[in-house]
Amino acid sequence: EVQLVEPGGGLVQPGGSLRLSCAASRALISTFAMYAMNWYRRVPGKEREIVASIGGGSAGIKQYADSVKDRVAISRDNDKRTVLLQMHALKDEDTGMYYCSAKWGIEYWGQGTQVTVST
């Protein structure tokens, strides 16, 4: 069974940093590197938006939403089947539920982790 687990959310003050991680189960042990890994977020009152993505295969192209560009960095470790989202200079509007997904034809989703930016 494919599972994506996302520890790392929490409460952080504006201007602070947070690192989210997403770990894929052993079901993807031989194919994880082929999956594009994505971070989405759902902010209250808004549509779900993609925050960052990193391609599968040898290219591993990274893309970021304009709203977070220069404040976040996505990376992956294929041996550990993990993807990280390092976020800096967090703002109140970054508050939301963050979801990891793995896509290679079919797309798998994690349960999400809450990020709250507040004083």
Protein backbone atom coordinates (compact mmCIF):
# COMPACT_ATOMS: atom_id res chain seq x y z
CA GLU A 1 0.00 0.00 0.00
CA VAL A 2 1.33 3.41 -0.93
CA GLN A 3 1.36 5.84 1.94
CA LEU A 4 2.73 9.33 2.26
CA VAL A 5 3.36 10.56 5.77
CA GLU A 6 3.89 14.24 6.47
CA PRO A 7 5.29 15.09 9.88
CA GLY A 8 6.67 18.54 10.48
CA GLY A 9 3.77 20.97 10.65
CA GLY A 10 3.05 23.15 13.62
CA LEU A 11 2.80 26.65 14.98
CA VAL A 12 5.39 29.22 13.99
CA GLN A 13 5.63 32.96 14.44
CA PRO A 14 5.57 35.29 11.46
CA GLY A 15 9.02 35.55 9.99
CA GLY A 16 9.93 32.12 11.28
CA SER A 17 10.97 28.97 9.49
CA LEU A 18 9.53 25.51 9.24
CA ARG A 19 10.53 22.35 7.47
CA LEU A 20 7.94 19.91 6.23
CA SER A 21 8.83 16.40 5.28
CA CYS A 22 7.02 13.72 3.35
CA ALA A 23 8.02 10.09 3.55
CA ALA A 24 6.79 7.49 1.11
CA SER A 25 6.16 3.90 2.12
CA ARG A 26 8.21 0.95 0.93
CA ALA A 27 5.60 0.29 -1.74
CA LEU A 28 7.47 2.91 -3.78
CA ILE A 29 10.92 1.55 -3.01
CA SER A 30 11.76 0.79 -6.64
CA THR A 31 9.87 3.63 -8.33
CA PHE A 32 10.00 6.63 -6.00
CA ALA A 33 12.62 8.37 -8.11
CA MET A 34 10.22 8.45 -11.06
CA TYR A 35 7.48 10.25 -9.19
CA ALA A 36 7.05 13.98 -9.33
CA MET A 37 6.68 15.12 -5.74
CA ASN A 38 4.46 18.03 -4.95
CA TRP A 39 3.44 20.16 -2.00
CA TYR A 40 -0.02 21.67 -2.04
CA ARG A 41 -1.79 23.75 0.51
CA ARG A 42 -5.35 24.57 1.29
CA VAL A 43 -5.76 27.95 2.90
CA PRO A 44 -9.11 28.72 4.56
CA GLY A 45 -11.45 30.38 2.10
CA LYS A 46 -9.29 29.65 -0.93
CA GLU A 47 -8.85 26.93 -3.50
CA ARG A 48 -6.10 24.38 -3.05
CA GLU A 49 -2.90 25.61 -4.63
CA ILE A 50 0.34 23.97 -5.50
CA VAL A 51 3.20 25.40 -3.49
CA ALA A 52 6.20 23.59 -4.91
CA SER A 53 7.06 20.60 -7.03
CA ILE A 54 10.14 18.63 -7.94
CA GLY A 55 10.17 16.43 -10.99
CA GLY A 56 10.98 12.77 -11.14
CA GLY A 57 13.72 11.18 -13.20
CA SER A 58 17.14 12.64 -13.72
CA ALA A 59 16.02 16.25 -14.30
CA GLY A 60 14.29 16.89 -10.99
CA ILE A 61 13.03 20.26 -12.16
CA LYS A 62 11.80 22.45 -9.33
CA GLN A 63 8.90 24.83 -9.59
CA TYR A 64 7.41 27.22 -7.06
CA ALA A 65 4.24 29.23 -6.71
CA ASP A 66 4.77 32.96 -7.06
CA SER A 67 3.34 33.42 -3.56
CA VAL A 68 6.22 31.51 -1.98
CA LYS A 69 9.03 31.94 -4.46
CA ASP A 70 12.30 32.93 -2.74
CA ARG A 71 10.91 31.79 0.60
CA VAL A 72 10.71 28.04 0.13
CA ALA A 73 12.96 25.30 -1.17
CA ILE A 74 11.94 21.80 -2.16
CA SER A 75 14.33 18.89 -2.20
CA ARG A 76 14.18 15.14 -2.39
CA ASP A 77 16.19 12.15 -1.26
CA ASN A 78 15.31 9.20 -3.44
CA ASP A 79 17.24 6.72 -1.32
CA LYS A 80 15.18 7.67 1.72
CA ARG A 81 12.00 8.18 -0.32
CA THR A 82 11.49 11.58 1.21
CA VAL A 83 10.80 15.08 0.03
CA LEU A 84 11.37 18.20 2.09
CA LEU A 85 9.85 21.64 1.95
CA GLN A 86 11.94 24.22 3.76
CA MET A 87 10.01 27.42 4.38
CA HIS A 88 11.43 30.74 5.56
CA ALA A 89 10.04 34.18 6.31
CA LEU A 90 6.63 32.70 6.95
CA LYS A 91 3.60 34.96 6.79
CA ASP A 92 0.14 34.76 8.31
CA GLU A 93 -1.23 33.92 4.88
CA ASP A 94 0.92 30.79 4.75
CA THR A 95 -1.36 29.26 7.36
CA GLY A 96 -3.14 26.23 6.01
CA MET A 97 -3.15 22.50 5.57
CA TYR A 98 -0.19 21.28 3.57
CA TYR A 99 -0.38 18.12 1.53
CA CYS A 100 2.28 16.07 -0.13
CA SER A 101 1.53 14.18 -3.31
CA ALA A 102 3.44 11.75 -5.48
CA LYS A 103 2.50 11.64 -9.14
CA TRP A 104 3.60 9.33 -11.93
CA GLY A 105 0.49 8.72 -13.93
CA ILE A 106 -1.49 7.98 -10.81
CA GLU A 107 -1.30 10.45 -7.95
CA TYR A 108 -1.06 9.55 -4.29
CA TRP A 109 -1.80 11.91 -1.43
CA GLY A 110 -0.76 12.26 2.15
CA GLN A 111 -3.13 13.10 4.96
CA GLY A 112 -1.84 16.61 5.31
CA THR A 113 -0.17 18.56 8.06
CA GLN A 114 -1.34 21.81 9.58
CA VAL A 115 0.87 24.88 9.42
CA THR A 116 -0.19 27.84 11.52
CA VAL A 117 1.67 31.11 11.31
CA SER A 118 0.63 33.31 14.19
CA THR A 119 1.88 35.31 17.12
